């Protein structure tokens, strides 16, 4: 896979993460389960640290998320993705800066680390 193809794939995955989180249904949870590595370090915007199981249990239908990719840095079978996730409600707009660490395992990208904070 070329670097350009890997970057496109990672961009698609990151946009889809937000879409699936917003849907929050069982199919979405399955997709998220499959894209997350067996071990996940997840820092919520609140500062709380969660693992894979706690993150997946927290998924439920919510307001739509829009993900804007800032940068993707490839390092062999590792990648860092910087993106901003925007959530809009009738009352407010919230924006979150995300840093996501992916590793390629058996040819598939898996989310290994994720830290975000509100901006």
PDB file of N, CA and C in Angstrom:
ATOM      1  N   UNK A   1       0.846  -1.179   0.000  1.00  0.00           N
ATOM      2  CA  UNK A   1       0.000   0.000   0.000  1.00  0.00           C
ATOM      3  C   UNK A   1       0.886   1.234   0.000  1.00  0.00           C
ATOM      4  N   UNK A   2       0.563   2.182  -0.847  1.00  0.00           N
ATOM      5  CA  UNK A   2       1.330   3.427  -0.897  1.00  0.00           C
ATOM      6  C   UNK A   2       0.983   4.301   0.305  1.00  0.00           C
ATOM      7  N   UNK A   3       1.856   5.265   0.583  1.00  0.00           N
ATOM      8  CA  UNK A   3       1.576   6.199   1.676  1.00  0.00           C
ATOM      9  C   UNK A   3       0.287   6.965   1.416  1.00  0.00           C
ATOM     10  N   UNK A   4       0.061   7.366   0.170  1.00  0.00           N
ATOM     11  CA  UNK A   4      -1.156   8.113  -0.165  1.00  0.00           C
ATOM     12  C   UNK A   4      -2.399   7.263   0.097  1.00  0.00           C
ATOM     13  N   UNK A   5      -2.338   5.989  -0.246  1.00  0.00           N
ATOM     14  CA  UNK A   5      -3.479   5.090  -0.012  1.00  0.00           C
ATOM     15  C   UNK A   5      -3.696   4.887   1.486  1.00  0.00           C
ATOM     16  N   UNK A   6      -2.616   4.739   2.237  1.00  0.00           N
ATOM     17  CA  UNK A   6      -2.730   4.578   3.689  1.00  0.00           C
ATOM     18  C   UNK A   6      -3.329   5.832   4.321  1.00  0.00           C
ATOM     19  N   UNK A   7      -2.912   6.991   3.859  1.00  0.00           N
ATOM     20  CA  UNK A   7      -3.466   8.249   4.393  1.00  0.00           C
ATOM     21  C   UNK A   7      -4.952   8.369   4.085  1.00  0.00           C
ATOM     22  N   UNK A   8      -5.363   7.991   2.881  1.00  0.00           N
ATOM     23  CA  UNK A   8      -6.789   8.029   2.528  1.00  0.00           C
ATOM     24  C   UNK A   8      -7.587   7.072   3.417  1.00  0.00           C
ATOM     25  N   UNK A   9      -7.039   5.873   3.613  1.00  0.00           N
ATOM     26  CA  UNK A   9      -7.717   4.880   4.453  1.00  0.00           C
ATOM     27  C   UNK A   9      -7.848   5.392   5.884  1.00  0.00           C
ATOM     28  N   UNK A  10      -6.787   5.964   6.427  1.00  0.00           N
ATOM     29  CA  UNK A  10      -6.831   6.496   7.789  1.00  0.00           C
ATOM     30  C   UNK A  10      -7.789   7.679   7.901  1.00  0.00           C
ATOM     31  N   UNK A  11      -7.814   8.535   6.903  1.00  0.00           N
ATOM     32  CA  UNK A  11      -8.762   9.652   6.911  1.00  0.00           C
ATOM     33  C   UNK A  11     -10.198   9.117   6.933  1.00  0.00           C
ATOM     34  N   UNK A  12     -10.477   8.131   6.100  1.00  0.00           N
ATOM     35  CA  UNK A  12     -11.824   7.541   6.056  1.00  0.00           C
ATOM     36  C   UNK A  12     -12.195   6.915   7.399  1.00  0.00           C
ATOM     37  N   UNK A  13     -11.267   6.185   7.996  1.00  0.00           N
ATOM     38  CA  UNK A  13     -11.519   5.554   9.299  1.00  0.00           C
ATOM     39  C   UNK A  13     -11.843   6.609  10.344  1.00  0.00           C
ATOM     40  N   UNK A  14     -11.071   7.689  10.377  1.00  0.00           N
ATOM     41  CA  UNK A  14     -11.264   8.709  11.398  1.00  0.00           C
ATOM     42  C   UNK A  14     -12.584   9.451  11.231  1.00  0.00           C
ATOM     43  N   UNK A  15     -12.985   9.721  10.016  1.00  0.00           N
ATOM     44  CA  UNK A  15     -14.288  10.345   9.792  1.00  0.00           C
ATOM     45  C   UNK A  15     -15.394   9.376  10.208  1.00  0.00           C
ATOM     46  N   UNK A  16     -15.210   8.113   9.878  1.00  0.00           N
ATOM     47  CA  UNK A  16     -16.243   7.118  10.198  1.00  0.00           C
ATOM     48  C   UNK A  16     -16.360   6.897  11.707  1.00  0.00           C
ATOM     49  N   UNK A  17     -15.271   7.015  12.450  1.00  0.00           N
ATOM     50  CA  UNK A  17     -15.347   6.865  13.902  1.00  0.00           C
ATOM     51  C   UNK A  17     -16.427   7.798  14.449  1.00  0.00           C
ATOM     52  N   UNK A  18     -16.393   9.061  14.053  1.00  0.00           N
ATOM     53  CA  UNK A  18     -17.389  10.023  14.529  1.00  0.00           C
ATOM     54  C   UNK A  18     -18.794   9.677  14.094  1.00  0.00           C
ATOM     55  N   UNK A  19     -18.951   9.239  12.862  1.00  0.00           N
ATOM     56  CA  UNK A  19     -20.268   8.865  12.357  1.00  0.00           C
ATOM     57  C   UNK A  19     -20.836   7.692  13.148  1.00  0.00           C
ATOM     58  N   UNK A  20     -20.015   6.691  13.411  1.00  0.00           N
ATOM     59  CA  UNK A  20     -20.474   5.504  14.143  1.00  0.00           C
ATOM     60  C   UNK A  20     -20.758   5.836  15.608  1.00  0.00           C
ATOM     61  N   UNK A  21     -19.919   6.693  16.208  1.00  0.00           N
ATOM     62  CA  UNK A  21     -20.194   7.116  17.588  1.00  0.00           C
ATOM     63  C   UNK A  21     -21.557   7.792  17.673  1.00  0.00           C
ATOM     64  N   UNK A  22     -21.875   8.636  16.715  1.00  0.00           N
ATOM     65  CA  UNK A  22     -23.151   9.362  16.728  1.00  0.00           C
ATOM     66  C   UNK A  22     -24.339   8.433  16.534  1.00  0.00           C
ATOM     67  N   UNK A  23     -24.201   7.444  15.657  1.00  0.00           N
ATOM     68  CA  UNK A  23     -25.304   6.498  15.440  1.00  0.00           C
ATOM     69  C   UNK A  23     -25.561   5.699  16.710  1.00  0.00           C
ATOM     70  N   UNK A  24     -24.499   5.156  17.287  1.00  0.00           N
ATOM     71  CA  UNK A  24     -24.597   4.459  18.564  1.00  0.00           C
ATOM     72  C   UNK A  24     -25.374   3.161  18.575  1.00  0.00           C
ATOM     73  N   UNK A  25     -25.705   2.614  17.406  1.00  0.00           N
ATOM     74  CA  UNK A  25     -26.466   1.364  17.376  1.00  0.00           C
ATOM     75  C   UNK A  25     -25.521   0.159  17.446  1.00  0.00           C
ATOM     76  N   UNK A  26     -26.093  -1.024  17.438  1.00  0.00           N
ATOM     77  CA  UNK A  26     -25.275  -2.240  17.596  1.00  0.00           C
ATOM     78  C   UNK A  26     -24.307  -2.434  16.429  1.00  0.00           C
ATOM     79  N   UNK A  27     -24.731  -2.112  15.214  1.00  0.00           N
ATOM     80  CA  UNK A  27     -23.827  -2.235  14.057  1.00  0.00           C
ATOM     81  C   UNK A  27     -22.652  -1.275  14.202  1.00  0.00           C
ATOM     82  N   UNK A  28     -22.924  -0.081  14.706  1.00  0.00           N
ATOM     83  CA  UNK A  28     -21.856   0.901  14.922  1.00  0.00           C
ATOM     84  C   UNK A  28     -20.886   0.422  15.985  1.00  0.00           C
ATOM     85  N   UNK A  29     -21.423  -0.122  17.061  1.00  0.00           N
ATOM     86  CA  UNK A  29     -20.567  -0.641  18.134  1.00  0.00           C
ATOM     87  C   UNK A  29     -19.680  -1.772  17.616  1.00  0.00           C
ATOM     88  N   UNK A  30     -20.233  -2.615  16.749  1.00  0.00           N
ATOM     89  CA  UNK A  30     -19.437  -3.712  16.173  1.00  0.00           C
ATOM     90  C   UNK A  30     -18.312  -3.149  15.309  1.00  0.00           C
ATOM     91  N   UNK A  31     -18.629  -2.154  14.474  1.00  0.00           N
ATOM     92  CA  UNK A  31     -17.590  -1.562  13.629  1.00  0.00           C
ATOM     93  C   UNK A  31     -16.494  -0.957  14.498  1.00  0.00           C
ATOM     94  N   UNK A  32     -16.874  -0.201  15.525  1.00  0.00           N
ATOM     95  CA  UNK A  32     -15.884   0.404  16.421  1.00  0.00           C
ATOM     96  C   UNK A  32     -15.066  -0.671  17.130  1.00  0.00           C
ATOM     97  N   UNK A  33     -15.731  -1.730  17.584  1.00  0.00           N
ATOM     98  CA  UNK A  33     -15.037  -2.853  18.223  1.00  0.00           C
ATOM     99  C   UNK A  33     -13.950  -3.409  17.305  1.00  0.00           C
ATOM    100  N   UNK A  34     -14.268  -3.522  16.024  1.00  0.00           N
ATOM    101  CA  UNK A  34     -13.339  -4.112  15.062  1.00  0.00           C
ATOM    102  C   UNK A  34     -12.176  -3.183  14.708  1.00  0.00           C
ATOM    103  N   UNK A  35     -12.360  -1.866  14.805  1.00  0.00           N
ATOM    104  CA  UNK A  35     -11.288  -0.934  14.424  1.00  0.00           C
ATOM    105  C   UNK A  35     -10.375  -0.602  15.616  1.00  0.00           C
ATOM    106  N   UNK A  36     -10.825  -0.906  16.817  1.00  0.00           N
ATOM    107  CA  UNK A  36     -10.022  -0.613  18.010  1.00  0.00           C
ATOM    108  C   UNK A  36      -9.138  -1.815  18.330  1.00  0.00           C
ATOM    109  N   UNK A  37      -7.886  -1.537  18.652  1.00  0.00           N
ATOM    110  CA  UNK A  37      -6.953  -2.595  19.050  1.00  0.00           C
ATOM    111  C   UNK A  37      -7.456  -3.268  20.332  1.00  0.00           C
ATOM    112  N   UNK A  38      -7.009  -4.501  20.605  1.00  0.00           N
ATOM    113  CA  UNK A  38      -7.451  -5.192  21.822  1.00  0.00           C
ATOM    114  C   UNK A  38      -7.197  -4.398  23.106  1.00  0.00           C
ATOM    115  N   UNK A  39      -6.193  -3.557  23.098  1.00  0.00           N
ATOM    116  CA  UNK A  39      -5.913  -2.671  24.227  1.00  0.00           C
ATOM    117  C   UNK A  39      -6.002  -1.242  23.704  1.00  0.00           C
ATOM    118  N   UNK A  40      -6.746  -0.384  24.399  1.00  0.00           N
ATOM    119  CA  UNK A  40      -6.902   1.011  24.012  1.00  0.00           C
ATOM    120  C   UNK A  40      -6.639   1.885  25.226  1.00  0.00           C
ATOM    121  N   UNK A  41      -5.865   2.928  25.034  1.00  0.00           N
ATOM    122  CA  UNK A  41      -5.722   3.982  26.043  1.00  0.00           C
ATOM    123  C   UNK A  41      -6.490   5.180  25.499  1.00  0.00           C
ATOM    124  N   UNK A  42      -7.553   5.572  26.204  1.00  0.00           N
ATOM    125  CA  UNK A  42      -8.435   6.632  25.734  1.00  0.00           C
ATOM    126  C   UNK A  42      -8.549   7.708  26.809  1.00  0.00           C
ATOM    127  N   UNK A  43      -8.130   8.920  26.468  1.00  0.00           N
ATOM    128  CA  UNK A  43      -8.263  10.060  27.379  1.00  0.00           C
ATOM    129  C   UNK A  43      -9.423  10.911  26.897  1.00  0.00           C
ATOM    130  N   UNK A  44     -10.444  10.969  27.721  1.00  0.00           N
ATOM    131  CA  UNK A  44     -11.623  11.777  27.397  1.00  0.00           C
ATOM    132  C   UNK A  44     -11.303  13.254  27.569  1.00  0.00           C
ATOM    133  N   UNK A  45     -12.135  14.106  26.984  1.00  0.00           N
ATOM    134  CA  UNK A  45     -11.939  15.551  27.110  1.00  0.00           C
ATOM    135  C   UNK A  45     -11.998  15.983  28.572  1.00  0.00           C
ATOM    136  N   UNK A  46     -12.712  15.224  29.396  1.00  0.00           N
ATOM    137  CA  UNK A  46     -12.805  15.530  30.835  1.00  0.00           C
ATOM    138  C   UNK A  46     -11.506  15.222  31.570  1.00  0.00           C
ATOM    139  N   UNK A  47     -10.616  14.484  30.910  1.00  0.00           N
ATOM    140  CA  UNK A  47      -9.370  14.050  31.542  1.00  0.00           C
ATOM    141  C   UNK A  47      -9.436  12.622  32.053  1.00  0.00           C
ATOM    142  N   UNK A  48     -10.630  12.051  32.103  1.00  0.00           N
ATOM    143  CA  UNK A  48     -10.804  10.675  32.557  1.00  0.00           C
ATOM    144  C   UNK A  48     -10.147   9.717  31.569  1.00  0.00           C
ATOM    145  N   UNK A  49      -9.487   8.706  32.098  1.00  0.00           N
ATOM    146  CA  UNK A  49      -8.858   7.685  31.263  1.00  0.00           C
ATOM    147  C   UNK A  49      -9.741   6.445  31.218  1.00  0.00           C
ATOM    148  N   UNK A  50      -9.942   5.918  30.028  1.00  0.00           N
ATOM    149  CA  UNK A  50     -10.730   4.706  29.826  1.00  0.00           C
ATOM    150  C   UNK A  50      -9.947   3.724  28.973  1.00  0.00           C
ATOM    151  N   UNK A  51     -10.365   2.495  29.043  1.00  0.00           N
ATOM    152  CA  UNK A  51      -9.849   1.453  28.165  1.00  0.00           C
ATOM    153  C   UNK A  51     -10.888   1.114  27.115  1.00  0.00           C
ATOM    154  N   UNK A  52     -10.600   0.090  26.377  1.00  0.00           N
ATOM    155  CA  UNK A  52     -11.456  -0.325  25.268  1.00  0.00           C
ATOM    156  C   UNK A  52     -12.876  -0.661  25.723  1.00  0.00           C
ATOM    157  N   UNK A  53     -12.996  -1.469  26.765  1.00  0.00           N
ATOM    158  CA  UNK A  53     -14.312  -1.930  27.207  1.00  0.00           C
ATOM    159  C   UNK A  53     -15.165  -0.758  27.682  1.00  0.00           C
ATOM    160  N   UNK A  54     -14.596   0.118  28.516  1.00  0.00           N
ATOM    161  CA  UNK A  54     -15.356   1.270  29.021  1.00  0.00           C
ATOM    162  C   UNK A  54     -15.767   2.195  27.876  1.00  0.00           C
ATOM    163  N   UNK A  55     -14.860   2.397  26.925  1.00  0.00           N
ATOM    164  CA  UNK A  55     -15.196   3.246  25.780  1.00  0.00           C
ATOM    165  C   UNK A  55     -16.377   2.651  25.007  1.00  0.00           C
ATOM    166  N   UNK A  56     -16.296   1.380  24.659  1.00  0.00           N
ATOM    167  CA  UNK A  56     -17.354   0.758  23.864  1.00  0.00           C
ATOM    168  C   UNK A  56     -18.686   0.741  24.614  1.00  0.00           C
ATOM    169  N   UNK A  57     -18.651   0.536  25.919  1.00  0.00           N
ATOM    170  CA  UNK A  57     -19.889   0.545  26.710  1.00  0.00           C
ATOM    171  C   UNK A  57     -20.535   1.929  26.726  1.00  0.00           C
ATOM    172  N   UNK A  58     -19.744   2.969  26.562  1.00  0.00           N
ATOM    173  CA  UNK A  58     -20.275   4.335  26.639  1.00  0.00           C
ATOM    174  C   UNK A  58     -20.939   4.801  25.347  1.00  0.00           C
ATOM    175  N   UNK A  59     -20.787   4.060  24.263  1.00  0.00           N
ATOM    176  CA  UNK A  59     -21.314   4.484  22.965  1.00  0.00           C
ATOM    177  C   UNK A  59     -22.837   4.419  22.973  1.00  0.00           C
ATOM    178  N   UNK A  60     -23.450   5.536  22.614  1.00  0.00           N
ATOM    179  CA  UNK A  60     -24.898   5.606  22.475  1.00  0.00           C
ATOM    180  C   UNK A  60     -25.240   6.693  21.458  1.00  0.00           C
ATOM    181  N   UNK A  61     -26.444   6.648  20.943  1.00  0.00           N
ATOM    182  CA  UNK A  61     -26.861   7.638  19.960  1.00  0.00           C
ATOM    183  C   UNK A  61     -26.669   9.040  20.525  1.00  0.00           C
ATOM    184  N   UNK A  62     -26.145   9.929  19.683  1.00  0.00           N
ATOM    185  CA  UNK A  62     -25.874  11.296  20.133  1.00  0.00           C
ATOM    186  C   UNK A  62     -25.970  12.254  18.955  1.00  0.00           C
ATOM    187  N   UNK A  63     -25.736  13.523  19.248  1.00  0.00           N
ATOM    188  CA  UNK A  63     -25.753  14.523  18.189  1.00  0.00           C
ATOM    189  C   UNK A  63     -24.684  14.189  17.144  1.00  0.00           C
ATOM    190  N   UNK A  64     -24.912  14.608  15.891  1.00  0.00           N
ATOM    191  CA  UNK A  64     -23.953  14.302  14.826  1.00  0.00           C
ATOM    192  C   UNK A  64     -22.575  14.898  15.098  1.00  0.00           C
ATOM    193  N   UNK A  65     -21.564  14.173  14.654  1.00  0.00           N
ATOM    194  CA  UNK A  65     -20.180  14.614  14.752  1.00  0.00           C
ATOM    195  C   UNK A  65     -19.650  14.870  13.350  1.00  0.00           C
ATOM    196  N   UNK A  66     -18.874  15.928  13.217  1.00  0.00           N
ATOM    197  CA  UNK A  66     -18.193  16.231  11.963  1.00  0.00           C
ATOM    198  C   UNK A  66     -16.700  16.209  12.261  1.00  0.00           C
ATOM    199  N   UNK A  67     -15.953  15.412  11.519  1.00  0.00           N
ATOM    200  CA  UNK A  67     -14.524  15.261  11.752  1.00  0.00           C
ATOM    201  C   UNK A  67     -13.737  15.928  10.636  1.00  0.00           C
ATOM    202  N   UNK A  68     -12.814  16.801  11.024  1.00  0.00           N
ATOM    203  CA  UNK A  68     -11.923  17.466  10.088  1.00  0.00           C
ATOM    204  C   UNK A  68     -10.507  16.979  10.362  1.00  0.00           C
ATOM    205  N   UNK A  69      -9.890  16.391   9.358  1.00  0.00           N
ATOM    206  CA  UNK A  69      -8.520  15.881   9.503  1.00  0.00           C
ATOM    207  C   UNK A  69      -7.548  17.047   9.380  1.00  0.00           C
ATOM    208  N   UNK A  70      -6.673  17.203  10.364  1.00  0.00           N
ATOM    209  CA  UNK A  70      -5.626  18.228  10.310  1.00  0.00           C
ATOM    210  C   UNK A  70      -4.343  17.677   9.691  1.00  0.00           C
ATOM    211  N   UNK A  71      -3.956  16.476  10.106  1.00  0.00           N
ATOM    212  CA  UNK A  71      -2.704  15.897   9.602  1.00  0.00           C
ATOM    213  C   UNK A  71      -2.684  14.403   9.878  1.00  0.00           C
ATOM    214  N   UNK A  72      -1.988  13.686   8.998  1.00  0.00           N
ATOM    215  CA  UNK A  72      -1.736  12.260   9.182  1.00  0.00           C
ATOM    216  C   UNK A  72      -0.247  12.055   8.980  1.00  0.00           C
ATOM    217  N   UNK A  73       0.405  11.471   9.973  1.00  0.00           N
ATOM    218  CA  UNK A  73       1.841  11.201   9.908  1.00  0.00           C
ATOM    219  C   UNK A  73       2.052   9.691   9.951  1.00  0.00           C
ATOM    220  N   UNK A  74       2.589   9.162   8.860  1.00  0.00           N
ATOM    221  CA  UNK A  74       2.866   7.728   8.762  1.00  0.00           C
ATOM    222  C   UNK A  74       4.290   7.434   9.203  1.00  0.00           C
ATOM    223  N   UNK A  75       4.435   6.337   9.917  1.00  0.00           N
ATOM    224  CA  UNK A  75       5.748   5.855  10.370  1.00  0.00           C
ATOM    225  C   UNK A  75       5.733   4.336  10.230  1.00  0.00           C
ATOM    226  N   UNK A  76       5.858   3.852   9.003  1.00  0.00           N
ATOM    227  CA  UNK A  76       5.797   2.409   8.768  1.00  0.00           C
ATOM    228  C   UNK A  76       4.402   1.889   9.070  1.00  0.00           C
ATOM    229  N   UNK A  77       4.311   0.975  10.031  1.00  0.00           N
ATOM    230  CA  UNK A  77       3.027   0.405  10.426  1.00  0.00           C
ATOM    231  C   UNK A  77       2.407   1.145  11.602  1.00  0.00           C
ATOM    232  N   UNK A  78       2.824   2.392  11.795  1.00  0.00           N
ATOM    233  CA  UNK A  78       2.262   3.250  12.833  1.00  0.00           C
ATOM    234  C   UNK A  78       1.840   4.560  12.194  1.00  0.00           C
ATOM    235  N   UNK A  79       0.839   5.188  12.788  1.00  0.00           N
ATOM    236  CA  UNK A  79       0.391   6.481  12.257  1.00  0.00           C
ATOM    237  C   UNK A  79      -0.203   7.320  13.383  1.00  0.00           C
ATOM    238  N   UNK A  80       0.020   8.622  13.282  1.00  0.00           N
ATOM    239  CA  UNK A  80      -0.595   9.591  14.181  1.00  0.00           C
ATOM    240  C   UNK A  80      -1.575  10.413  13.342  1.00  0.00           C
ATOM    241  N   UNK A  81      -2.802  10.513  13.815  1.00  0.00           N
ATOM    242  CA  UNK A  81      -3.814  11.316  13.136  1.00  0.00           C
ATOM    243  C   UNK A  81      -4.229  12.441  14.079  1.00  0.00           C
ATOM    244  N   UNK A  82      -4.164  13.674  13.563  1.00  0.00           N
ATOM    245  CA  UNK A  82      -4.663  14.845  14.300  1.00  0.00           C
ATOM    246  C   UNK A  82      -5.943  15.276  13.622  1.00  0.00           C
ATOM    247  N   UNK A  83      -7.001  15.425  14.413  1.00  0.00           N
ATOM    248  CA  UNK A  83      -8.261  15.856  13.830  1.00  0.00           C
ATOM    249  C   UNK A  83      -9.068  16.653  14.845  1.00  0.00           C
ATOM    250  N   UNK A  84     -10.052  17.372  14.332  1.00  0.00           N
ATOM    251  CA  UNK A  84     -10.977  18.129  15.172  1.00  0.00           C
ATOM    252  C   UNK A  84     -12.368  17.567  14.937  1.00  0.00           C
ATOM    253  N   UNK A  85     -13.049  17.242  16.048  1.00  0.00           N
ATOM    254  CA  UNK A  85     -14.409  16.730  15.977  1.00  0.00           C
ATOM    255  C   UNK A  85     -15.343  17.825  16.489  1.00  0.00           C
ATOM    256  N   UNK A  86     -16.331  18.159  15.673  1.00  0.00           N
ATOM    257  CA  UNK A  86     -17.298  19.195  16.023  1.00  0.00           C
ATOM    258  C   UNK A  86     -18.661  18.550  16.242  1.00  0.00           C
ATOM    259  N   UNK A  87     -19.279  18.891  17.358  1.00  0.00           N
ATOM    260  CA  UNK A  87     -20.637  18.425  17.674  1.00  0.00           C
ATOM    261  C   UNK A  87     -21.535  19.648  17.777  1.00  0.00           C
ATOM    262  N   UNK A  88     -22.627  19.638  17.008  1.00  0.00           N
ATOM    263  CA  UNK A  88     -23.557  20.764  16.996  1.00  0.00           C
ATOM    264  C   UNK A  88     -24.907  20.321  17.568  1.00  0.00           C
ATOM    265  N   UNK A  89     -25.407  21.109  18.494  1.00  0.00           N
ATOM    266  CA  UNK A  89     -26.764  20.919  18.992  1.00  0.00           C
ATOM    267  C   UNK A  89     -27.526  22.217  18.711  1.00  0.00           C
ATOM    268  N   UNK A  90     -28.784  22.224  19.028  1.00  0.00           N
ATOM    269  CA  UNK A  90     -29.567  23.445  18.845  1.00  0.00           C
ATOM    270  C   UNK A  90     -29.050  24.560  19.751  1.00  0.00           C
ATOM    271  N   UNK A  91     -28.457  24.176  20.882  1.00  0.00           N
ATOM    272  CA  UNK A  91     -28.009  25.155  21.873  1.00  0.00           C
ATOM    273  C   UNK A  91     -26.560  25.590  21.730  1.00  0.00           C
ATOM    274  N   UNK A  92     -25.701  24.698  21.225  1.00  0.00           N
ATOM    275  CA  UNK A  92     -24.272  25.015  21.246  1.00  0.00           C
ATOM    276  C   UNK A  92     -23.477  24.219  20.213  1.00  0.00           C
ATOM    277  N   UNK A  93     -22.245  24.655  20.046  1.00  0.00           N
ATOM    278  CA  UNK A  93     -21.278  23.942  19.211  1.00  0.00           C
ATOM    279  C   UNK A  93     -20.090  23.610  20.108  1.00  0.00           C
ATOM    280  N   UNK A  94     -19.703  22.329  20.123  1.00  0.00           N
ATOM    281  CA  UNK A  94     -18.527  21.906  20.890  1.00  0.00           C
ATOM    282  C   UNK A  94     -17.501  21.364  19.910  1.00  0.00           C
ATOM    283  N   UNK A  95     -16.239  21.709  20.165  1.00  0.00           N
ATOM    284  CA  UNK A  95     -15.149  21.237  19.307  1.00  0.00           C
ATOM    285  C   UNK A  95     -14.109  20.543  20.176  1.00  0.00           C
ATOM    286  N   UNK A  96     -13.571  19.441  19.657  1.00  0.00           N
ATOM    287  CA  UNK A  96     -12.595  18.639  20.387  1.00  0.00           C
ATOM    288  C   UNK A  96     -11.396  18.359  19.486  1.00  0.00           C
ATOM    289  N   UNK A  97     -10.210  18.628  20.008  1.00  0.00           N
ATOM    290  CA  UNK A  97      -8.983  18.291  19.290  1.00  0.00           C
ATOM    291  C   UNK A  97      -8.597  16.872  19.687  1.00  0.00           C
ATOM    292  N   UNK A  98      -8.365  16.025  18.688  1.00  0.00           N
ATOM    293  CA  UNK A  98      -8.049  14.614  18.912  1.00  0.00           C
ATOM    294  C   UNK A  98      -6.670  14.270  18.376  1.00  0.00           C
ATOM    295  N   UNK A  99      -5.934  13.516  19.147  1.00  0.00           N
ATOM    296  CA  UNK A  99      -4.709  12.859  18.698  1.00  0.00           C
ATOM    297  C   UNK A  99      -4.976  11.366  18.780  1.00  0.00           C
ATOM    298  N   UNK A 100      -4.775  10.672  17.669  1.00  0.00           N
ATOM    299  CA  UNK A 100      -5.068   9.240  17.617  1.00  0.00           C
ATOM    300  C   UNK A 100      -3.854   8.479  17.081  1.00  0.00           C
ATOM    301  N   UNK A 101      -3.493   7.427  17.782  1.00  0.00           N
ATOM    302  CA  UNK A 101      -2.384   6.565  17.399  1.00  0.00           C
ATOM    303  C   UNK A 101      -2.939   5.264  16.831  1.00  0.00           C
ATOM    304  N   UNK A 102      -2.549   4.959  15.605  1.00  0.00           N
ATOM    305  CA  UNK A 102      -2.962   3.727  14.947  1.00  0.00           C
ATOM    306  C   UNK A 102      -1.758   2.837  14.700  1.00  0.00           C
ATOM    307  N   UNK A 103      -1.976   1.532  14.733  1.00  0.00           N
ATOM    308  CA  UNK A 103      -0.978   0.552  14.329  1.00  0.00           C
ATOM    309  C   UNK A 103      -1.617  -0.356  13.285  1.00  0.00           C
ATOM    310  N   UNK A 104      -0.797  -0.792  12.333  1.00  0.00           N
ATOM    311  CA  UNK A 104      -1.299  -1.698  11.301  1.00  0.00           C
ATOM    312  C   UNK A 104      -0.987  -3.118  11.742  1.00  0.00           C
ATOM    313  N   UNK A 105      -2.044  -3.915  11.911  1.00  0.00           N
ATOM    314  CA  UNK A 105      -1.918  -5.301  12.351  1.00  0.00           C
ATOM    315  C   UNK A 105      -2.566  -6.183  11.289  1.00  0.00           C
ATOM    316  N   UNK A 106      -1.799  -7.119  10.749  1.00  0.00           N
ATOM    317  CA  UNK A 106      -2.313  -8.011   9.701  1.00  0.00           C
ATOM    318  C   UNK A 106      -2.966  -7.224   8.565  1.00  0.00           C
ATOM    319  N   UNK A 107      -2.348  -6.081   8.204  1.00  0.00           N
ATOM    320  CA  UNK A 107      -2.807  -5.286   7.082  1.00  0.00           C
ATOM    321  C   UNK A 107      -3.970  -4.349   7.387  1.00  0.00           C
ATOM    322  N   UNK A 108      -4.441  -4.316   8.640  1.00  0.00           N
ATOM    323  CA  UNK A 108      -5.576  -3.455   8.998  1.00  0.00           C
ATOM    324  C   UNK A 108      -5.162  -2.459  10.073  1.00  0.00           C
ATOM    325  N   UNK A 109      -5.621  -1.216   9.935  1.00  0.00           N
ATOM    326  CA  UNK A 109      -5.334  -0.185  10.925  1.00  0.00           C
ATOM    327  C   UNK A 109      -6.199  -0.384  12.156  1.00  0.00           C
ATOM    328  N   UNK A 110      -5.561  -0.324  13.332  1.00  0.00           N
ATOM    329  CA  UNK A 110      -6.259  -0.467  14.607  1.00  0.00           C
ATOM    330  C   UNK A 110      -5.911   0.722  15.496  1.00  0.00           C
ATOM    331  N   UNK A 111      -6.924   1.272  16.141  1.00  0.00           N
ATOM    332  CA  UNK A 111      -6.749   2.411  17.037  1.00  0.00           C
ATOM    333  C   UNK A 111      -6.189   1.925  18.370  1.00  0.00           C
ATOM    334  N   UNK A 112      -5.012   2.408  18.724  1.00  0.00           N
ATOM    335  CA  UNK A 112      -4.306   1.960  19.927  1.00  0.00           C
ATOM    336  C   UNK A 112      -4.329   3.004  21.038  1.00  0.00           C
ATOM    337  N   UNK A 113      -4.251   4.278  20.658  1.00  0.00           N
ATOM    338  CA  UNK A 113      -4.248   5.354  21.646  1.00  0.00           C
ATOM    339  C   UNK A 113      -5.044   6.538  21.141  1.00  0.00           C
ATOM    340  N   UNK A 114      -5.705   7.245  22.081  1.00  0.00           N
ATOM    341  CA  UNK A 114      -6.590   8.331  21.673  1.00  0.00           C
ATOM    342  C   UNK A 114      -6.655   9.322  22.823  1.00  0.00           C
ATOM    343  N   UNK A 115      -6.312  10.564  22.554  1.00  0.00           N
ATOM    344  CA  UNK A 115      -6.407  11.613  23.561  1.00  0.00           C
ATOM    345  C   UNK A 115      -7.119  12.804  22.934  1.00  0.00           C
ATOM    346  N   UNK A 116      -8.094  13.347  23.649  1.00  0.00           N
ATOM    347  CA  UNK A 116      -8.764  14.523  23.120  1.00  0.00           C
ATOM    348  C   UNK A 116      -8.985  15.539  24.236  1.00  0.00           C
ATOM    349  N   UNK A 117      -9.213  16.762  23.801  1.00  0.00           N
ATOM    350  CA  UNK A 117      -9.571  17.811  24.758  1.00  0.00           C
ATOM    351  C   UNK A 117     -10.428  18.833  24.037  1.00  0.00           C
ATOM    352  N   UNK A 118     -11.301  19.445  24.795  1.00  0.00           N
ATOM    353  CA  UNK A 118     -12.198  20.448  24.222  1.00  0.00           C
ATOM    354  C   UNK A 118     -11.418  21.715  23.882  1.00  0.00           C
ATOM    355  N   UNK A 119     -11.776  22.311  22.746  1.00  0.00           N
ATOM    356  CA  UNK A 119     -11.121  23.562  22.341  1.00  0.00           C
ATOM    357  C   UNK A 119     -12.161  24.670  22.213  1.00  0.00           C
TER     358      UNK A 119
END
